[in-house]
mmCIF file of all heavy atoms, coordinates in Angstrom:
data_MODEL
# 
_entry.id   MODEL 
# 
loop_
_atom_site.group_PDB 
_atom_site.id 
_atom_site.type_symbol 
_atom_site.label_atom_id 
_atom_site.label_alt_id 
_atom_site.label_comp_id 
_atom_site.label_asym_id 
_atom_site.label_entity_id 
_atom_site.label_seq_id 
_atom_site.pdbx_PDB_ins_code 
_atom_site.Cartn_x 
_atom_site.Cartn_y 
_atom_site.Cartn_z 
_atom_site.occupancy 
_atom_site.B_iso_or_equiv 
_atom_site.pdbx_formal_charge 
_atom_site.auth_seq_id 
_atom_site.auth_comp_id 
_atom_site.auth_asym_id 
_atom_site.auth_atom_id 
_atom_site.pdbx_PDB_model_num 
ATOM 1   N N   . LEU A 1 1  ? 16.450 7.074  11.413 1.00 0.00 ? 1  LEU A N   1 
ATOM 2   C CA  . LEU A 1 1  ? 17.279 7.962  12.227 1.00 0.00 ? 1  LEU A CA  1 
ATOM 3   C C   . LEU A 1 1  ? 18.406 8.507  11.426 1.00 0.00 ? 1  LEU A C   1 
ATOM 4   O O   . LEU A 1 1  ? 18.798 9.693  11.548 1.00 0.00 ? 1  LEU A O   1 
ATOM 5   C CB  . LEU A 1 1  ? 17.816 7.164  13.424 1.00 0.00 ? 1  LEU A CB  1 
ATOM 6   C CG  . LEU A 1 1  ? 16.830 6.804  14.532 1.00 0.00 ? 1  LEU A CG  1 
ATOM 7   C CD1 . LEU A 1 1  ? 17.461 5.899  15.567 1.00 0.00 ? 1  LEU A CD1 1 
ATOM 8   C CD2 . LEU A 1 1  ? 16.298 8.040  15.197 1.00 0.00 ? 1  LEU A CD2 1 
ATOM 9   N N   . GLU A 1 2  ? 19.001 7.707  10.532 1.00 0.00 ? 2  GLU A N   1 
ATOM 10  C CA  . GLU A 1 2  ? 20.084 8.224  9.673  1.00 0.00 ? 2  GLU A CA  1 
ATOM 11  C C   . GLU A 1 2  ? 19.580 9.278  8.703  1.00 0.00 ? 2  GLU A C   1 
ATOM 12  O O   . GLU A 1 2  ? 20.248 10.275 8.451  1.00 0.00 ? 2  GLU A O   1 
ATOM 13  C CB  . GLU A 1 2  ? 20.714 7.036  8.879  1.00 0.00 ? 2  GLU A CB  1 
ATOM 14  C CG  . GLU A 1 2  ? 21.927 7.415  8.109  1.00 0.00 ? 2  GLU A CG  1 
ATOM 15  C CD  . GLU A 1 2  ? 22.623 6.191  7.517  1.00 0.00 ? 2  GLU A CD  1 
ATOM 16  O OE1 . GLU A 1 2  ? 22.207 5.051  7.758  1.00 0.00 ? 2  GLU A OE1 1 
ATOM 17  O OE2 . GLU A 1 2  ? 23.592 6.410  6.753  1.00 0.00 ? 2  GLU A OE2 1 
ATOM 18  N N   . LEU A 1 3  ? 18.351 9.062  8.174  1.00 0.00 ? 3  LEU A N   1 
ATOM 19  C CA  . LEU A 1 3  ? 17.758 10.001 7.256  1.00 0.00 ? 3  LEU A CA  1 
ATOM 20  C C   . LEU A 1 3  ? 17.492 11.339 7.988  1.00 0.00 ? 3  LEU A C   1 
ATOM 21  O O   . LEU A 1 3  ? 17.581 12.435 7.438  1.00 0.00 ? 3  LEU A O   1 
ATOM 22  C CB  . LEU A 1 3  ? 16.485 9.455  6.683  1.00 0.00 ? 3  LEU A CB  1 
ATOM 23  C CG  . LEU A 1 3  ? 15.707 10.253 5.615  1.00 0.00 ? 3  LEU A CG  1 
ATOM 24  C CD1 . LEU A 1 3  ? 16.619 10.465 4.402  1.00 0.00 ? 3  LEU A CD1 1 
ATOM 25  C CD2 . LEU A 1 3  ? 14.438 9.589  5.213  1.00 0.00 ? 3  LEU A CD2 1 
ATOM 26  N N   . ALA A 1 4  ? 17.087 11.241 9.261  1.00 0.00 ? 4  ALA A N   1 
ATOM 27  C CA  . ALA A 1 4  ? 16.702 12.474 10.063 1.00 0.00 ? 4  ALA A CA  1 
ATOM 28  C C   . ALA A 1 4  ? 17.934 13.284 10.438 1.00 0.00 ? 4  ALA A C   1 
ATOM 29  O O   . ALA A 1 4  ? 17.736 14.429 10.874 1.00 0.00 ? 4  ALA A O   1 
ATOM 30  C CB  . ALA A 1 4  ? 15.924 12.039 11.271 1.00 0.00 ? 4  ALA A CB  1 
ATOM 31  N N   . GLN A 1 5  ? 19.119 12.768 10.283 1.00 0.00 ? 5  GLN A N   1 
ATOM 32  C CA  . GLN A 1 5  ? 20.307 13.489 10.729 1.00 0.00 ? 5  GLN A CA  1 
ATOM 33  C C   . GLN A 1 5  ? 20.519 14.812 9.944  1.00 0.00 ? 5  GLN A C   1 
ATOM 34  O O   . GLN A 1 5  ? 21.094 15.776 10.497 1.00 0.00 ? 5  GLN A O   1 
ATOM 35  C CB  . GLN A 1 5  ? 21.543 12.614 10.593 1.00 0.00 ? 5  GLN A CB  1 
ATOM 36  C CG  . GLN A 1 5  ? 21.598 11.474 11.604 1.00 0.00 ? 5  GLN A CG  1 
ATOM 37  C CD  . GLN A 1 5  ? 22.851 10.652 11.449 1.00 0.00 ? 5  GLN A CD  1 
ATOM 38  O OE1 . GLN A 1 5  ? 23.799 11.040 10.819 1.00 0.00 ? 5  GLN A OE1 1 
ATOM 39  N NE2 . GLN A 1 5  ? 22.874 9.487  12.034 1.00 0.00 ? 5  GLN A NE2 1 
ATOM 40  N N   . ALA A 1 6  ? 20.013 14.901 8.728  1.00 0.00 ? 6  ALA A N   1 
ATOM 41  C CA  . ALA A 1 6  ? 20.223 16.055 7.896  1.00 0.00 ? 6  ALA A CA  1 
ATOM 42  C C   . ALA A 1 6  ? 19.538 17.279 8.503  1.00 0.00 ? 6  ALA A C   1 
ATOM 43  O O   . ALA A 1 6  ? 20.089 18.400 8.520  1.00 0.00 ? 6  ALA A O   1 
ATOM 44  C CB  . ALA A 1 6  ? 19.763 15.806 6.501  1.00 0.00 ? 6  ALA A CB  1 
ATOM 45  N N   . GLN A 1 7  ? 18.249 17.115 8.950  1.00 0.00 ? 7  GLN A N   1 
ATOM 46  C CA  . GLN A 1 7  ? 17.476 18.239 9.398  1.00 0.00 ? 7  GLN A CA  1 
ATOM 47  C C   . GLN A 1 7  ? 16.947 18.104 10.826 1.00 0.00 ? 7  GLN A C   1 
ATOM 48  O O   . GLN A 1 7  ? 16.461 19.041 11.428 1.00 0.00 ? 7  GLN A O   1 
ATOM 49  C CB  . GLN A 1 7  ? 16.244 18.458 8.529  1.00 0.00 ? 7  GLN A CB  1 
ATOM 50  C CG  . GLN A 1 7  ? 16.561 18.635 7.016  1.00 0.00 ? 7  GLN A CG  1 
ATOM 51  C CD  . GLN A 1 7  ? 15.298 18.746 6.172  1.00 0.00 ? 7  GLN A CD  1 
ATOM 52  O OE1 . GLN A 1 7  ? 14.774 19.887 6.040  1.00 0.00 ? 7  GLN A OE1 1 
ATOM 53  N NE2 . GLN A 1 7  ? 14.808 17.624 5.701  1.00 0.00 ? 7  GLN A NE2 1 
ATOM 54  N N   . GLY A 1 8  ? 17.113 16.903 11.358 1.00 0.00 ? 8  GLY A N   1 
ATOM 55  C CA  . GLY A 1 8  ? 16.552 16.606 12.729 1.00 0.00 ? 8  GLY A CA  1 
ATOM 56  C C   . GLY A 1 8  ? 15.146 16.076 12.679 1.00 0.00 ? 8  GLY A C   1 
ATOM 57  O O   . GLY A 1 8  ? 14.647 15.645 13.713 1.00 0.00 ? 8  GLY A O   1 
ATOM 58  N N   . PHE A 1 9  ? 14.560 15.991 11.495 1.00 0.00 ? 9  PHE A N   1 
ATOM 59  C CA  . PHE A 1 9  ? 13.229 15.478 11.380 1.00 0.00 ? 9  PHE A CA  1 
ATOM 60  C C   . PHE A 1 9  ? 13.032 14.803 10.002 1.00 0.00 ? 9  PHE A C   1 
ATOM 61  O O   . PHE A 1 9  ? 13.856 15.005 9.072  1.00 0.00 ? 9  PHE A O   1 
ATOM 62  C CB  . PHE A 1 9  ? 12.206 16.613 11.542 1.00 0.00 ? 9  PHE A CB  1 
ATOM 63  C CG  . PHE A 1 9  ? 12.136 17.543 10.379 1.00 0.00 ? 9  PHE A CG  1 
ATOM 64  C CD1 . PHE A 1 9  ? 11.335 17.344 9.252  1.00 0.00 ? 9  PHE A CD1 1 
ATOM 65  C CD2 . PHE A 1 9  ? 12.938 18.703 10.428 1.00 0.00 ? 9  PHE A CD2 1 
ATOM 66  C CE1 . PHE A 1 9  ? 11.315 18.261 8.201  1.00 0.00 ? 9  PHE A CE1 1 
ATOM 67  C CE2 . PHE A 1 9  ? 12.925 19.622 9.381  1.00 0.00 ? 9  PHE A CE2 1 
ATOM 68  C CZ  . PHE A 1 9  ? 12.088 19.406 8.241  1.00 0.00 ? 9  PHE A CZ  1 
ATOM 69  N N   . VAL A 1 10 ? 11.936 14.051 9.837  1.00 0.00 ? 10 VAL A N   1 
ATOM 70  C CA  . VAL A 1 10 ? 11.523 13.500 8.551  1.00 0.00 ? 10 VAL A CA  1 
ATOM 71  C C   . VAL A 1 10 ? 10.027 13.626 8.460  1.00 0.00 ? 10 VAL A C   1 
ATOM 72  O O   . VAL A 1 10 ? 9.316  13.866 9.451  1.00 0.00 ? 10 VAL A O   1 
ATOM 73  C CB  . VAL A 1 10 ? 11.922 12.023 8.427  1.00 0.00 ? 10 VAL A CB  1 
ATOM 74  C CG1 . VAL A 1 10 ? 13.431 11.822 8.433  1.00 0.00 ? 10 VAL A CG1 1 
ATOM 75  C CG2 . VAL A 1 10 ? 11.265 11.190 9.501  1.00 0.00 ? 10 VAL A CG2 1 
ATOM 76  N N   . THR A 1 11 ? 9.510  13.473 7.230  1.00 0.00 ? 11 THR A N   1 
ATOM 77  C CA  . THR A 1 11 ? 8.091  13.396 6.962  1.00 0.00 ? 11 THR A CA  1 
ATOM 78  C C   . THR A 1 11 ? 7.815  12.000 6.460  1.00 0.00 ? 11 THR A C   1 
ATOM 79  O O   . THR A 1 11 ? 8.737  11.335 5.913  1.00 0.00 ? 11 THR A O   1 
ATOM 80  C CB  . THR A 1 11 ? 7.607  14.411 5.959  1.00 0.00 ? 11 THR A CB  1 
ATOM 81  O OG1 . THR A 1 11 ? 8.210  14.178 4.709  1.00 0.00 ? 11 THR A OG1 1 
ATOM 82  C CG2 . THR A 1 11 ? 7.964  15.823 6.461  1.00 0.00 ? 11 THR A CG2 1 
ATOM 83  N N   . GLY A 1 12 ? 6.545  11.566 6.517  1.00 0.00 ? 12 GLY A N   1 
ATOM 84  C CA  . GLY A 1 12 ? 6.222  10.265 6.023  1.00 0.00 ? 12 GLY A CA  1 
ATOM 85  C C   . GLY A 1 12 ? 6.512  10.158 4.506  1.00 0.00 ? 12 GLY A C   1 
ATOM 86  O O   . GLY A 1 12 ? 7.033  9.135  4.026  1.00 0.00 ? 12 GLY A O   1 
ATOM 87  N N   . ASP A 1 13 ? 6.126  11.243 3.723  1.00 0.00 ? 13 ASP A N   1 
ATOM 88  C CA  . ASP A 1 13 ? 6.422  11.235 2.289  1.00 0.00 ? 13 ASP A CA  1 
ATOM 89  C C   . ASP A 1 13 ? 7.917  11.102 1.987  1.00 0.00 ? 13 ASP A C   1 
ATOM 90  O O   . ASP A 1 13 ? 8.307  10.410 1.057  1.00 0.00 ? 13 ASP A O   1 
ATOM 91  C CB  . ASP A 1 13 ? 5.855  12.502 1.672  1.00 0.00 ? 13 ASP A CB  1 
ATOM 92  C CG  . ASP A 1 13 ? 4.338  12.563 1.654  1.00 0.00 ? 13 ASP A CG  1 
ATOM 93  O OD1 . ASP A 1 13 ? 3.747  11.465 1.850  1.00 0.00 ? 13 ASP A OD1 1 
ATOM 94  O OD2 . ASP A 1 13 ? 3.784  13.644 1.505  1.00 0.00 ? 13 ASP A OD2 1 
ATOM 95  N N   . GLU A 1 14 ? 8.740  11.800 2.786  1.00 0.00 ? 14 GLU A N   1 
ATOM 96  C CA  . GLU A 1 14 ? 10.163 11.777 2.585  1.00 0.00 ? 14 GLU A CA  1 
ATOM 97  C C   . GLU A 1 14 ? 10.715 10.383 2.833  1.00 0.00 ? 14 GLU A C   1 
ATOM 98  O O   . GLU A 1 14 ? 11.591 9.922  2.066  1.00 0.00 ? 14 GLU A O   1 
ATOM 99  C CB  . GLU A 1 14 ? 10.858 12.775 3.502  1.00 0.00 ? 14 GLU A CB  1 
ATOM 100 C CG  . GLU A 1 14 ? 12.341 12.852 3.348  1.00 0.00 ? 14 GLU A CG  1 
ATOM 101 C CD  . GLU A 1 14 ? 12.995 13.784 4.367  1.00 0.00 ? 14 GLU A CD  1 
ATOM 102 O OE1 . GLU A 1 14 ? 12.322 14.188 5.328  1.00 0.00 ? 14 GLU A OE1 1 
ATOM 103 O OE2 . GLU A 1 14 ? 14.179 14.088 4.226  1.00 0.00 ? 14 GLU A OE2 1 
ATOM 104 N N   . VAL A 1 15 ? 10.236 9.727  3.871  1.00 0.00 ? 15 VAL A N   1 
ATOM 105 C CA  . VAL A 1 15 ? 10.713 8.363  4.179  1.00 0.00 ? 15 VAL A CA  1 
ATOM 106 C C   . VAL A 1 15 ? 10.355 7.429  3.015  1.00 0.00 ? 15 VAL A C   1 
ATOM 107 O O   . VAL A 1 15 ? 11.198 6.622  2.535  1.00 0.00 ? 15 VAL A O   1 
ATOM 108 C CB  . VAL A 1 15 ? 10.056 7.842  5.475  1.00 0.00 ? 15 VAL A CB  1 
ATOM 109 C CG1 . VAL A 1 15 ? 10.386 6.364  5.673  1.00 0.00 ? 15 VAL A CG1 1 
ATOM 110 C CG2 . VAL A 1 15 ? 10.622 8.658  6.651  1.00 0.00 ? 15 VAL A CG2 1 
ATOM 111 N N   . GLU A 1 16 ? 9.113  7.549  2.527  1.00 0.00 ? 16 GLU A N   1 
ATOM 112 C CA  . GLU A 1 16 ? 8.704  6.659  1.386  1.00 0.00 ? 16 GLU A CA  1 
ATOM 113 C C   . GLU A 1 16 ? 9.513  6.944  0.144  1.00 0.00 ? 16 GLU A C   1 
ATOM 114 O O   . GLU A 1 16 ? 9.971  5.995  -0.542 1.00 0.00 ? 16 GLU A O   1 
ATOM 115 C CB  . GLU A 1 16 ? 7.220  6.928  1.096  1.00 0.00 ? 16 GLU A CB  1 
ATOM 116 C CG  . GLU A 1 16 ? 6.265  6.511  2.200  1.00 0.00 ? 16 GLU A CG  1 
ATOM 117 C CD  . GLU A 1 16 ? 4.823  6.952  1.906  1.00 0.00 ? 16 GLU A CD  1 
ATOM 118 O OE1 . GLU A 1 16 ? 4.433  6.926  0.719  1.00 0.00 ? 16 GLU A OE1 1 
ATOM 119 O OE2 . GLU A 1 16 ? 4.084  7.298  2.853  1.00 0.00 ? 16 GLU A OE2 1 
ATOM 120 N N   . ARG A 1 17 ? 9.762  8.214  -0.153 1.00 0.00 ? 17 ARG A N   1 
ATOM 121 C CA  . ARG A 1 17 ? 10.476 8.555  -1.362 1.00 0.00 ? 17 ARG A CA  1 
ATOM 122 C C   . ARG A 1 17 ? 11.946 8.246  -1.296 1.00 0.00 ? 17 ARG A C   1 
ATOM 123 O O   . ARG A 1 17 ? 12.528 7.602  -2.169 1.00 0.00 ? 17 ARG A O   1 
ATOM 124 C CB  . ARG A 1 17 ? 10.329 10.073 -1.668 1.00 0.00 ? 17 ARG A CB  1 
ATOM 125 C CG  . ARG A 1 17 ? 10.944 10.489 -2.976 1.00 0.00 ? 17 ARG A CG  1 
ATOM 126 C CD  . ARG A 1 17 ? 10.765 11.981 -3.222 1.00 0.00 ? 17 ARG A CD  1 
ATOM 127 N NE  . ARG A 1 17 ? 11.603 12.825 -2.338 1.00 0.00 ? 17 ARG A NE  1 
ATOM 128 C CZ  . ARG A 1 17 ? 11.156 13.434 -1.260 1.00 0.00 ? 17 ARG A CZ  1 
ATOM 129 N NH1 . ARG A 1 17 ? 9.878  13.349 -0.863 1.00 0.00 ? 17 ARG A NH1 1 
ATOM 130 N NH2 . ARG A 1 17 ? 11.980 14.168 -0.500 1.00 0.00 ? 17 ARG A NH2 1 
ATOM 131 N N   . ARG A 1 18 ? 12.656 8.652  -0.223 1.00 0.00 ? 18 ARG A N   1 
ATOM 132 C CA  . ARG A 1 18 ? 14.083 8.480  -0.069 1.00 0.00 ? 18 ARG A CA  1 
ATOM 133 C C   . ARG A 1 18 ? 14.494 7.001  0.149  1.00 0.00 ? 18 ARG A C   1 
ATOM 134 O O   . ARG A 1 18 ? 15.578 6.601  -0.276 1.00 0.00 ? 18 ARG A O   1 
ATOM 135 C CB  . ARG A 1 18 ? 14.585 9.315  1.076  1.00 0.00 ? 18 ARG A CB  1 
ATOM 136 C CG  . ARG A 1 18 ? 14.390 10.832 0.873  1.00 0.00 ? 18 ARG A CG  1 
ATOM 137 C CD  . ARG A 1 18 ? 15.465 11.427 -0.104 1.00 0.00 ? 18 ARG A CD  1 
ATOM 138 N NE  . ARG A 1 18 ? 16.791 11.282 0.436  1.00 0.00 ? 18 ARG A NE  1 
ATOM 139 C CZ  . ARG A 1 18 ? 17.338 12.113 1.335  1.00 0.00 ? 18 ARG A CZ  1 
ATOM 140 N NH1 . ARG A 1 18 ? 16.632 13.183 1.763  1.00 0.00 ? 18 ARG A NH1 1 
ATOM 141 N NH2 . ARG A 1 18 ? 18.574 11.921 1.748  1.00 0.00 ? 18 ARG A NH2 1 
ATOM 142 N N   . LEU A 1 19 ? 13.660 6.295  0.847  1.00 0.00 ? 19 LEU A N   1 
ATOM 143 C CA  . LEU A 1 19 ? 14.028 4.891  1.143  1.00 0.00 ? 19 LEU A CA  1 
ATOM 144 C C   . LEU A 1 19 ? 13.292 3.895  0.291  1.00 0.00 ? 19 LEU A C   1 
ATOM 145 O O   . LEU A 1 19 ? 13.511 2.684  0.405  1.00 0.00 ? 19 LEU A O   1 
ATOM 146 C CB  . LEU A 1 19 ? 13.684 4.599  2.617  1.00 0.00 ? 19 LEU A CB  1 
ATOM 147 C CG  . LEU A 1 19 ? 14.428 5.459  3.694  1.00 0.00 ? 19 LEU A CG  1 
ATOM 148 C CD1 . LEU A 1 19 ? 14.037 5.092  5.082  1.00 0.00 ? 19 LEU A CD1 1 
ATOM 149 C CD2 . LEU A 1 19 ? 15.933 5.361  3.498  1.00 0.00 ? 19 LEU A CD2 1 
ATOM 150 N N   . SER A 1 20 ? 12.452 4.406  -0.610 1.00 0.00 ? 20 SER A N   1 
ATOM 151 C CA  . SER A 1 20 ? 11.709 3.493  -1.553 1.00 0.00 ? 20 SER A CA  1 
ATOM 152 C C   . SER A 1 20 ? 10.814 2.491  -0.782 1.00 0.00 ? 20 SER A C   1 
ATOM 153 O O   . SER A 1 20 ? 10.805 1.329  -1.088 1.00 0.00 ? 20 SER A O   1 
ATOM 154 C CB  . SER A 1 20 ? 12.639 2.805  -2.512 1.00 0.00 ? 20 SER A CB  1 
ATOM 155 O OG  . SER A 1 20 ? 13.342 3.726  -3.307 1.00 0.00 ? 20 SER A OG  1 
ATOM 156 N N   . TRP A 1 21 ? 10.140 2.996  0.245  1.00 0.00 ? 21 TRP A N   1 
ATOM 157 C CA  . TRP A 1 21 ? 9.273  2.140  1.023  1.00 0.00 ? 21 TRP A CA  1 
ATOM 158 C C   . TRP A 1 21 ? 7.811  2.361  0.663  1.00 0.00 ? 21 TRP A C   1 
ATOM 159 O O   . TRP A 1 21 ? 7.433  3.387  0.098  1.00 0.00 ? 21 TRP A O   1 
ATOM 160 C CB  . TRP A 1 21 ? 9.390  2.496  2.540  1.00 0.00 ? 21 TRP A CB  1 
ATOM 161 C CG  . TRP A 1 21 ? 10.718 2.059  3.141  1.00 0.00 ? 21 TRP A CG  1 
ATOM 162 C CD1 . TRP A 1 21 ? 11.778 1.440  2.508  1.00 0.00 ? 21 TRP A CD1 1 
ATOM 163 C CD2 . TRP A 1 21 ? 11.134 2.252  4.489  1.00 0.00 ? 21 TRP A CD2 1 
ATOM 164 N NE1 . TRP A 1 21 ? 12.802 1.251  3.447  1.00 0.00 ? 21 TRP A NE1 1 
ATOM 165 C CE2 . TRP A 1 21 ? 12.422 1.768  4.645  1.00 0.00 ? 21 TRP A CE2 1 
ATOM 166 C CE3 . TRP A 1 21 ? 10.512 2.845  5.624  1.00 0.00 ? 21 TRP A CE3 1 
ATOM 167 C CZ2 . TRP A 1 21 ? 13.102 1.742  5.850  1.00 0.00 ? 21 TRP A CZ2 1 
ATOM 168 C CZ3 . TRP A 1 21 ? 11.171 2.853  6.797  1.00 0.00 ? 21 TRP A CZ3 1 
ATOM 169 C CH2 . TRP A 1 21 ? 12.450 2.330  6.939  1.00 0.00 ? 21 TRP A CH2 1 
ATOM 170 N N   . THR A 1 22 ? 7.011  1.373  1.057  1.00 0.00 ? 22 THR A N   1 
ATOM 171 C CA  . THR A 1 22 ? 5.566  1.553  0.901  1.00 0.00 ? 22 THR A CA  1 
ATOM 172 C C   . THR A 1 22 ? 5.082  2.429  2.056  1.00 0.00 ? 22 THR A C   1 
ATOM 173 O O   . THR A 1 22 ? 5.766  2.588  3.086  1.00 0.00 ? 22 THR A O   1 
ATOM 174 C CB  . THR A 1 22 ? 4.872  0.224  0.969  1.00 0.00 ? 22 THR A CB  1 
ATOM 175 O OG1 . THR A 1 22 ? 5.086  -0.366 2.300  1.00 0.00 ? 22 THR A OG1 1 
ATOM 176 C CG2 . THR A 1 22 ? 5.344  -0.773 -0.065 1.00 0.00 ? 22 THR A CG2 1 
ATOM 177 N N   . SER A 1 23 ? 3.847  2.962  1.888  1.00 0.00 ? 23 SER A N   1 
ATOM 178 C CA  . SER A 1 23 ? 3.315  3.847  2.939  1.00 0.00 ? 23 SER A CA  1 
ATOM 179 C C   . SER A 1 23 ? 3.122  3.078  4.265  1.00 0.00 ? 23 SER A C   1 
ATOM 180 O O   . SER A 1 23 ? 3.446  3.582  5.323  1.00 0.00 ? 23 SER A O   1 
ATOM 181 C CB  . SER A 1 23 ? 1.963  4.379  2.495  1.00 0.00 ? 23 SER A CB  1 
ATOM 182 O OG  . SER A 1 23 ? 1.326  5.117  3.509  1.00 0.00 ? 23 SER A OG  1 
ATOM 183 N N   . GLY A 1 24 ? 2.708  1.813  4.180  1.00 0.00 ? 24 GLY A N   1 
ATOM 184 C CA  . GLY A 1 24 ? 2.505  0.995  5.343  1.00 0.00 ? 24 GLY A CA  1 
ATOM 185 C C   . GLY A 1 24 ? 3.758  0.787  6.116  1.00 0.00 ? 24 GLY A C   1 
ATOM 186 O O   . GLY A 1 24 ? 3.793  0.848  7.388  1.00 0.00 ? 24 GLY A O   1 
ATOM 187 N N   . ARG A 1 25 ? 4.850  0.489  5.380  1.00 0.00 ? 25 ARG A N   1 
ATOM 188 C CA  . ARG A 1 25 ? 6.135  0.221  6.053  1.00 0.00 ? 25 ARG A CA  1 
ATOM 189 C C   . ARG A 1 25 ? 6.640  1.466  6.771  1.00 0.00 ? 25 ARG A C   1 
ATOM 190 O O   . ARG A 1 25 ? 7.147  1.403  7.929  1.00 0.00 ? 25 ARG A O   1 
ATOM 191 C CB  . ARG A 1 25 ? 7.135  -0.222 5.014  1.00 0.00 ? 25 ARG A CB  1 
ATOM 192 C CG  . ARG A 1 25 ? 8.534  -0.560 5.574  1.00 0.00 ? 25 ARG A CG  1 
ATOM 193 C CD  . ARG A 1 25 ? 9.457  -1.071 4.475  1.00 0.00 ? 25 ARG A CD  1 
ATOM 194 N NE  . ARG A 1 25 ? 10.806 -1.393 4.989  1.00 0.00 ? 25 ARG A NE  1 
ATOM 195 C CZ  . ARG A 1 25 ? 11.798 -1.813 4.240  1.00 0.00 ? 25 ARG A CZ  1 
ATOM 196 N NH1 . ARG A 1 25 ? 11.600 -1.998 2.942  1.00 0.00 ? 25 ARG A NH1 1 
ATOM 197 N NH2 . ARG A 1 25 ? 12.962 -2.095 4.774  1.00 0.00 ? 25 ARG A NH2 1 
ATOM 198 N N   . ALA A 1 26 ? 6.531  2.618  6.127  1.00 0.00 ? 26 ALA A N   1 
ATOM 199 C CA  . ALA A 1 26 ? 6.984  3.928  6.724  1.00 0.00 ? 26 ALA A CA  1 
ATOM 200 C C   . ALA A 1 26 ? 6.188  4.227  7.966  1.00 0.00 ? 26 ALA A C   1 
ATOM 201 O O   . ALA A 1 26 ? 6.755  4.574  9.012  1.00 0.00 ? 26 ALA A O   1 
ATOM 202 C CB  . ALA A 1 26 ? 6.883  5.030  5.699  1.00 0.00 ? 26 ALA A CB  1 
ATOM 203 N N   . ILE A 1 27 ? 4.858  4.114  7.898  1.00 0.00 ? 27 ILE A N   1 
ATOM 204 C CA  . ILE A 1 27 ? 3.996  4.460  9.004  1.00 0.00 ? 27 ILE A CA  1 
ATOM 205 C C   . ILE A 1 27 ? 4.245  3.501  10.193 1.00 0.00 ? 27 ILE A C   1 
ATOM 206 O O   . ILE A 1 27 ? 4.332  3.939  11.319 1.00 0.00 ? 27 ILE A O   1 
ATOM 207 C CB  . ILE A 1 27 ? 2.500  4.418  8.599  1.00 0.00 ? 27 ILE A CB  1 
ATOM 208 C CG1 . ILE A 1 27 ? 2.207  5.508  7.621  1.00 0.00 ? 27 ILE A CG1 1 
ATOM 209 C CG2 . ILE A 1 27 ? 1.588  4.489  9.818  1.00 0.00 ? 27 ILE A CG2 1 
ATOM 210 C CD1 . ILE A 1 27 ? 0.797  5.450  7.036  1.00 0.00 ? 27 ILE A CD1 1 
ATOM 211 N N   . ASP A 1 28 ? 4.439  2.238  9.893  1.00 0.00 ? 28 ASP A N   1 
ATOM 212 C CA  . ASP A 1 28 ? 4.660  1.282  10.940 1.00 0.00 ? 28 ASP A CA  1 
ATOM 213 C C   . ASP A 1 28 ? 5.958  1.549  11.712 1.00 0.00 ? 28 ASP A C   1 
ATOM 214 O O   . ASP A 1 28 ? 5.984  1.586  12.948 1.00 0.00 ? 28 ASP A O   1 
ATOM 215 C CB  . ASP A 1 28 ? 4.779  -0.143 10.329 1.00 0.00 ? 28 ASP A CB  1 
ATOM 216 C CG  . ASP A 1 28 ? 5.036  -1.209 11.424 1.00 0.00 ? 28 ASP A CG  1 
ATOM 217 O OD1 . ASP A 1 28 ? 4.100  -1.449 12.222 1.00 0.00 ? 28 ASP A OD1 1 
ATOM 218 O OD2 . ASP A 1 28 ? 6.106  -1.799 11.413 1.00 0.00 ? 28 ASP A OD2 1 
ATOM 219 N N   . ALA A 1 29 ? 7.016  1.882  10.991 1.00 0.00 ? 29 ALA A N   1 
ATOM 220 C CA  . ALA A 1 29 ? 8.329  2.206  11.600 1.00 0.00 ? 29 ALA A CA  1 
ATOM 221 C C   . ALA A 1 29 ? 8.225  3.541  12.437 1.00 0.00 ? 29 ALA A C   1 
ATOM 222 O O   . ALA A 1 29 ? 8.725  3.601  13.533 1.00 0.00 ? 29 ALA A O   1 
ATOM 223 C CB  . ALA A 1 29 ? 9.425  2.288  10.575 1.00 0.00 ? 29 ALA A CB  1 
ATOM 224 N N   . LEU A 1 30 ? 7.589  4.508  11.817 1.00 0.00 ? 30 LEU A N   1 
ATOM 225 C CA  . LEU A 1 30 ? 7.473  5.835  12.515 1.00 0.00 ? 30 LEU A CA  1 
ATOM 226 C C   . LEU A 1 30 ? 6.611  5.690  13.751 1.00 0.00 ? 30 LEU A C   1 
ATOM 227 O O   . LEU A 1 30 ? 6.908  6.292  14.818 1.00 0.00 ? 30 LEU A O   1 
ATOM 228 C CB  . LEU A 1 30 ? 6.906  6.862  11.558 1.00 0.00 ? 30 LEU A CB  1 
ATOM 229 C CG  . LEU A 1 30 ? 7.831  7.300  10.465 1.00 0.00 ? 30 LEU A CG  1 
ATOM 230 C CD1 . LEU A 1 30 ? 7.101  8.118  9.391  1.00 0.00 ? 30 LEU A CD1 1 
ATOM 231 C CD2 . LEU A 1 30 ? 8.999  8.167  11.021 1.00 0.00 ? 30 LEU A CD2 1 
ATOM 232 N N   . ASP A 1 31 ? 5.508  4.937  13.663 1.00 0.00 ? 31 ASP A N   1 
ATOM 233 C CA  . ASP A 1 31 ? 4.660  4.735  14.838 1.00 0.00 ? 31 ASP A CA  1 
ATOM 234 C C   . ASP A 1 31 ? 5.420  4.041  15.963 1.00 0.00 ? 31 ASP A C   1 
ATOM 235 O O   . ASP A 1 31 ? 5.213  4.359  17.171 1.00 0.00 ? 31 ASP A O   1 
ATOM 236 C CB  . ASP A 1 31 ? 3.402  3.943  14.450 1.00 0.00 ? 31 ASP A CB  1 
ATOM 237 C CG  . ASP A 1 31 ? 2.387  4.796  13.703 1.00 0.00 ? 31 ASP A CG  1 
ATOM 238 O OD1 . ASP A 1 31 ? 2.535  6.007  13.687 1.00 0.00 ? 31 ASP A OD1 1 
ATOM 239 O OD2 . ASP A 1 31 ? 1.447  4.215  13.125 1.00 0.00 ? 31 ASP A OD2 1 
# 
């Protein structure tokens, strides 16, 4: 939610890159 404040949205790739998460962690949180 904090990351999304800049544009109002995020992408899965952005979450992985900016937060240094694995794909599974990002998808689980977004889902």
